[in-house]
Amino acid sequence: MPAVRRAAILRMAASAREMKLDVMNGAVARQADGRWRIGPYDLDEWLSQHEGEEVALVLGSLADDRPVETRTCRTCGRDYTDLECPHCRANRIRLRGHA
């Protein structure tokens, strides 16, 4: 897998953690009792806790070898491969006094 794609997936997970969202990473495995786990996390238990809620589930395989699309920022014109332009994001954070 290209390191850029892996890094982009892990940055997306870090952004989700910043928003205080549940993030699980690890190997997907089915136990002998039929329960699903993602690394040390019990997926069945998590789904039970959120039963009846509307959720968005995003799965990103770290083994995916597709190339990451390079985009051009509409604000500053720089090329980037992240979810958003890292230069503009850093400036927004700095100007809002969060850094």
N, C-alpha and C. Protein backbone atom coordinates (compact mmCIF):
# COMPACT_ATOMS: atom_id res chain seq x y z
N MET A 1 0.84 -1.18 0.00
CA MET A 1 0.00 0.00 0.00
C MET A 1 0.88 1.24 0.00
N PRO A 2 0.52 2.20 -0.83
CA PRO A 2 1.30 3.45 -0.82
C PRO A 2 1.21 4.13 0.55
N ALA A 3 2.36 4.64 1.00
CA ALA A 3 2.41 5.29 2.32
C ALA A 3 1.49 6.49 2.39
N VAL A 4 1.28 7.18 1.27
CA VAL A 4 0.42 8.37 1.25
C VAL A 4 -1.01 7.99 1.57
N ARG A 5 -1.50 6.89 1.00
CA ARG A 5 -2.88 6.46 1.26
C ARG A 5 -3.04 6.03 2.72
N ARG A 6 -2.09 5.26 3.21
CA ARG A 6 -2.15 4.82 4.61
C ARG A 6 -2.15 6.02 5.54
N ALA A 7 -1.29 6.99 5.28
CA ALA A 7 -1.22 8.19 6.10
C ALA A 7 -2.53 8.98 6.04
N ALA A 8 -3.15 9.05 4.87
CA ALA A 8 -4.42 9.78 4.72
C ALA A 8 -5.52 9.11 5.54
N ILE A 9 -5.56 7.79 5.53
CA ILE A 9 -6.57 7.05 6.31
C ILE A 9 -6.34 7.28 7.81
N LEU A 10 -5.09 7.23 8.24
CA LEU A 10 -4.80 7.44 9.66
C LEU A 10 -5.07 8.88 10.08
N ARG A 11 -4.85 9.86 9.17
CA ARG A 11 -5.18 11.26 9.48
C ARG A 11 -6.69 11.42 9.62
N MET A 12 -7.45 10.73 8.78
CA MET A 12 -8.91 10.80 8.88
C MET A 12 -9.36 10.23 10.23
N ALA A 13 -8.75 9.14 10.65
CA ALA A 13 -9.08 8.56 11.96
C ALA A 13 -8.72 9.53 13.08
N ALA A 14 -7.58 10.21 12.95
CA ALA A 14 -7.17 11.19 13.97
C ALA A 14 -8.16 12.35 14.02
N SER A 15 -8.66 12.78 12.86
CA SER A 15 -9.66 13.86 12.83
C SER A 15 -10.94 13.41 13.53
N ALA A 16 -11.32 12.17 13.33
CA ALA A 16 -12.51 11.64 13.99
C ALA A 16 -12.31 11.60 15.51
N ARG A 17 -11.11 11.23 15.94
CA ARG A 17 -10.81 11.22 17.38
C ARG A 17 -10.90 12.64 17.96
N GLU A 18 -10.42 13.64 17.19
CA GLU A 18 -10.49 15.03 17.63
C GLU A 18 -11.94 15.47 17.85
N MET A 19 -12.86 14.87 17.08
CA MET A 19 -14.28 15.19 17.21
C MET A 19 -14.94 14.34 18.30
N LYS A 20 -14.11 13.58 19.04
CA LYS A 20 -14.60 12.70 20.11
C LYS A 20 -15.53 11.60 19.58
N LEU A 21 -15.23 11.10 18.37
CA LEU A 21 -15.99 10.00 17.79
C LEU A 21 -15.29 8.68 18.10
N ASP A 22 -16.05 7.59 18.05
CA ASP A 22 -15.46 6.27 18.26
C ASP A 22 -14.62 5.89 17.05
N VAL A 23 -13.40 5.49 17.30
CA VAL A 23 -12.50 5.06 16.22
C VAL A 23 -11.90 3.72 16.64
N MET A 24 -12.02 2.75 15.77
CA MET A 24 -11.44 1.42 16.03
C MET A 24 -10.46 1.12 14.91
N ASN A 25 -9.31 0.58 15.26
CA ASN A 25 -8.42 0.10 14.22
C ASN A 25 -7.75 -1.19 14.68
N GLY A 26 -7.49 -2.03 13.73
CA GLY A 26 -6.90 -3.34 14.00
C GLY A 26 -7.43 -4.32 12.98
N ALA A 27 -7.00 -5.56 13.10
CA ALA A 27 -7.43 -6.60 12.18
C ALA A 27 -8.88 -7.01 12.48
N VAL A 28 -9.65 -7.21 11.42
CA VAL A 28 -11.04 -7.67 11.57
C VAL A 28 -11.01 -9.19 11.72
N ALA A 29 -11.69 -9.69 12.75
CA ALA A 29 -11.69 -11.13 13.00
C ALA A 29 -13.04 -11.54 13.58
N ARG A 30 -13.45 -12.74 13.22
CA ARG A 30 -14.66 -13.32 13.81
C ARG A 30 -14.21 -14.36 14.82
N GLN A 31 -14.71 -14.23 16.04
CA GLN A 31 -14.34 -15.15 17.09
C GLN A 31 -15.10 -16.47 16.94
N ALA A 32 -14.71 -17.45 17.72
CA ALA A 32 -15.35 -18.77 17.67
C ALA A 32 -16.84 -18.69 18.00
N ASP A 33 -17.23 -17.72 18.85
CA ASP A 33 -18.65 -17.58 19.20
C ASP A 33 -19.44 -16.76 18.18
N GLY A 34 -18.80 -16.38 17.08
CA GLY A 34 -19.48 -15.66 16.01
C GLY A 34 -19.46 -14.15 16.15
N ARG A 35 -18.86 -13.63 17.22
CA ARG A 35 -18.80 -12.18 17.44
C ARG A 35 -17.66 -11.58 16.62
N TRP A 36 -17.90 -10.37 16.10
CA TRP A 36 -16.89 -9.67 15.31
C TRP A 36 -16.05 -8.77 16.21
N ARG A 37 -14.75 -8.73 15.92
CA ARG A 37 -13.82 -7.85 16.63
C ARG A 37 -13.00 -7.08 15.61
N ILE A 38 -12.67 -5.86 15.97
CA ILE A 38 -11.70 -5.06 15.21
C ILE A 38 -10.58 -4.76 16.18
N GLY A 39 -9.46 -5.46 16.01
CA GLY A 39 -8.38 -5.36 16.98
C GLY A 39 -8.91 -5.78 18.34
N PRO A 40 -8.72 -4.95 19.36
CA PRO A 40 -9.20 -5.30 20.71
C PRO A 40 -10.66 -4.92 20.95
N TYR A 41 -11.32 -4.32 19.97
CA TYR A 41 -12.67 -3.80 20.15
C TYR A 41 -13.73 -4.81 19.73
N ASP A 42 -14.77 -4.94 20.52
CA ASP A 42 -15.88 -5.82 20.22
C ASP A 42 -16.90 -5.04 19.38
N LEU A 43 -16.95 -5.32 18.09
CA LEU A 43 -17.84 -4.60 17.18
C LEU A 43 -19.30 -4.87 17.50
N ASP A 44 -19.62 -6.09 17.86
CA ASP A 44 -21.01 -6.43 18.21
C ASP A 44 -21.49 -5.61 19.41
N GLU A 45 -20.63 -5.45 20.40
CA GLU A 45 -20.99 -4.67 21.59
C GLU A 45 -21.22 -3.21 21.22
N TRP A 46 -20.32 -2.66 20.38
CA TRP A 46 -20.46 -1.27 19.95
C TRP A 46 -21.76 -1.06 19.19
N LEU A 47 -22.07 -1.97 18.27
CA LEU A 47 -23.31 -1.85 17.50
C LEU A 47 -24.53 -1.96 18.40
N SER A 48 -24.47 -2.81 19.41
CA SER A 48 -25.58 -2.94 20.35
C SER A 48 -25.80 -1.64 21.12
N GLN A 49 -24.72 -0.96 21.48
CA GLN A 49 -24.82 0.30 22.20
C GLN A 49 -25.49 1.39 21.36
N HIS A 50 -25.40 1.27 20.05
CA HIS A 50 -25.93 2.30 19.14
C HIS A 50 -27.17 1.81 18.39
N GLU A 51 -27.76 0.74 18.85
CA GLU A 51 -28.95 0.19 18.19
C GLU A 51 -30.05 1.24 18.16
N GLY A 52 -30.65 1.41 17.00
CA GLY A 52 -31.74 2.37 16.82
C GLY A 52 -31.27 3.76 16.43
N GLU A 53 -29.98 4.04 16.55
CA GLU A 53 -29.44 5.34 16.17
C GLU A 53 -29.06 5.35 14.69
N GLU A 54 -29.06 6.52 14.11
CA GLU A 54 -28.55 6.66 12.74
C GLU A 54 -27.05 6.94 12.86
N VAL A 55 -26.23 6.10 12.25
CA VAL A 55 -24.78 6.25 12.34
C VAL A 55 -24.19 6.24 10.94
N ALA A 56 -22.95 6.71 10.84
CA ALA A 56 -22.17 6.62 9.61
C ALA A 56 -20.94 5.79 9.94
N LEU A 57 -20.74 4.72 9.21
CA LEU A 57 -19.61 3.83 9.43
C LEU A 57 -18.67 3.95 8.24
N VAL A 58 -17.42 4.29 8.50
CA VAL A 58 -16.42 4.43 7.44
C VAL A 58 -15.35 3.39 7.67
N LEU A 59 -15.11 2.55 6.69
CA LEU A 59 -14.07 1.52 6.78
C LEU A 59 -12.99 1.84 5.76
N GLY A 60 -11.77 1.90 6.20
CA GLY A 60 -10.64 2.13 5.31
C GLY A 60 -9.62 1.03 5.51
N SER A 61 -9.42 0.24 4.50
CA SER A 61 -8.44 -0.84 4.60
C SER A 61 -7.04 -0.27 4.42
N LEU A 62 -6.17 -0.55 5.38
CA LEU A 62 -4.79 -0.10 5.28
C LEU A 62 -4.01 -0.91 4.26
N ALA A 63 -4.63 -1.96 3.70
CA ALA A 63 -3.99 -2.76 2.66
C ALA A 63 -4.40 -2.31 1.26
N ASP A 64 -5.25 -1.29 1.16
CA ASP A 64 -5.73 -0.78 -0.13
C ASP A 64 -4.57 -0.14 -0.88
N ASP A 65 -4.34 -0.55 -2.13
CA ASP A 65 -3.19 -0.04 -2.87
C ASP A 65 -3.55 0.95 -3.97
N ARG A 66 -4.78 1.46 -3.98
CA ARG A 66 -5.14 2.48 -4.96
C ARG A 66 -4.40 3.77 -4.68
N PRO A 67 -4.02 4.50 -5.71
CA PRO A 67 -3.32 5.78 -5.48
C PRO A 67 -4.29 6.83 -4.91
N VAL A 68 -3.73 7.76 -4.15
CA VAL A 68 -4.52 8.85 -3.58
C VAL A 68 -4.57 9.98 -4.60
N GLU A 69 -5.75 10.51 -4.80
CA GLU A 69 -5.94 11.60 -5.77
C GLU A 69 -5.33 12.89 -5.23
N THR A 70 -4.56 13.57 -6.04
CA THR A 70 -4.02 14.87 -5.69
C THR A 70 -5.02 15.93 -6.11
N ARG A 71 -5.34 16.82 -5.17
CA ARG A 71 -6.29 17.90 -5.46
C ARG A 71 -5.59 19.24 -5.33
N THR A 72 -6.19 20.27 -5.92
CA THR A 72 -5.68 21.63 -5.83
C THR A 72 -6.62 22.45 -4.98
N CYS A 73 -6.06 23.14 -4.00
CA CYS A 73 -6.85 23.96 -3.08
C CYS A 73 -7.44 25.15 -3.85
N ARG A 74 -8.71 25.38 -3.67
CA ARG A 74 -9.38 26.50 -4.33
C ARG A 74 -9.07 27.83 -3.67
N THR A 75 -8.49 27.78 -2.48
CA THR A 75 -8.17 29.02 -1.77
C THR A 75 -6.75 29.48 -2.06
N CYS A 76 -5.77 28.58 -1.84
CA CYS A 76 -4.37 28.99 -1.97
C CYS A 76 -3.68 28.45 -3.22
N GLY A 77 -4.31 27.49 -3.90
CA GLY A 77 -3.74 26.96 -5.13
C GLY A 77 -2.71 25.86 -4.95
N ARG A 78 -2.43 25.46 -3.72
CA ARG A 78 -1.46 24.39 -3.49
C ARG A 78 -2.10 23.03 -3.76
N ASP A 79 -1.26 22.07 -4.18
CA ASP A 79 -1.72 20.69 -4.36
C ASP A 79 -1.61 19.97 -3.02
N TYR A 80 -2.55 19.07 -2.75
CA TYR A 80 -2.54 18.31 -1.50
C TYR A 80 -3.21 16.97 -1.72
N THR A 81 -2.96 16.03 -0.80
CA THR A 81 -3.56 14.69 -0.86
C THR A 81 -4.38 14.39 0.38
N ASP A 82 -4.41 15.30 1.36
CA ASP A 82 -5.17 15.10 2.58
C ASP A 82 -6.67 15.30 2.32
N LEU A 83 -7.45 15.27 3.40
CA LEU A 83 -8.87 15.54 3.30
C LEU A 83 -9.13 17.01 3.02
N GLU A 84 -8.23 17.86 3.49
CA GLU A 84 -8.32 19.30 3.24
C GLU A 84 -6.91 19.84 3.09
N CYS A 85 -6.80 21.02 2.57
CA CYS A 85 -5.48 21.63 2.36
C CYS A 85 -4.80 21.84 3.71
N PRO A 86 -3.64 21.21 3.94
CA PRO A 86 -2.98 21.34 5.23
C PRO A 86 -2.49 22.76 5.50
N HIS A 87 -2.10 23.49 4.47
CA HIS A 87 -1.64 24.87 4.64
C HIS A 87 -2.78 25.76 5.12
N CYS A 88 -3.93 25.68 4.47
CA CYS A 88 -5.08 26.50 4.85
C CYS A 88 -5.62 26.07 6.21
N ARG A 89 -5.60 24.78 6.50
CA ARG A 89 -6.06 24.29 7.80
C ARG A 89 -5.19 24.85 8.91
N ALA A 90 -3.88 24.80 8.74
CA ALA A 90 -2.95 25.33 9.74
C ALA A 90 -3.18 26.82 9.95
N ASN A 91 -3.41 27.56 8.87
CA ASN A 91 -3.67 29.00 8.99
C ASN A 91 -4.99 29.26 9.71
N ARG A 92 -6.03 28.47 9.41
CA ARG A 92 -7.31 28.64 10.11
C ARG A 92 -7.15 28.42 11.60
N ILE A 93 -6.44 27.38 11.96
CA ILE A 93 -6.22 27.07 13.37
C ILE A 93 -5.43 28.20 14.04
N ARG A 94 -4.39 28.66 13.36
CA ARG A 94 -3.55 29.72 13.92
C ARG A 94 -4.36 31.01 14.08
N LEU A 95 -5.13 31.39 13.07
CA LEU A 95 -5.87 32.64 13.12
C LEU A 95 -7.02 32.60 14.12
N ARG A 96 -7.54 31.43 14.42
CA ARG A 96 -8.62 31.30 15.39
C ARG A 96 -8.07 31.17 16.81
N GLY A 97 -6.74 31.15 16.94
CA GLY A 97 -6.14 31.11 18.26
C GLY A 97 -6.14 29.76 18.93
N HIS A 98 -6.18 28.69 18.14
CA HIS A 98 -6.22 27.34 18.72
C HIS A 98 -4.83 26.70 18.80
N ALA A 99 -3.82 27.39 18.34
CA ALA A 99 -2.49 26.77 18.34
C ALA A 99 -1.54 27.45 19.28
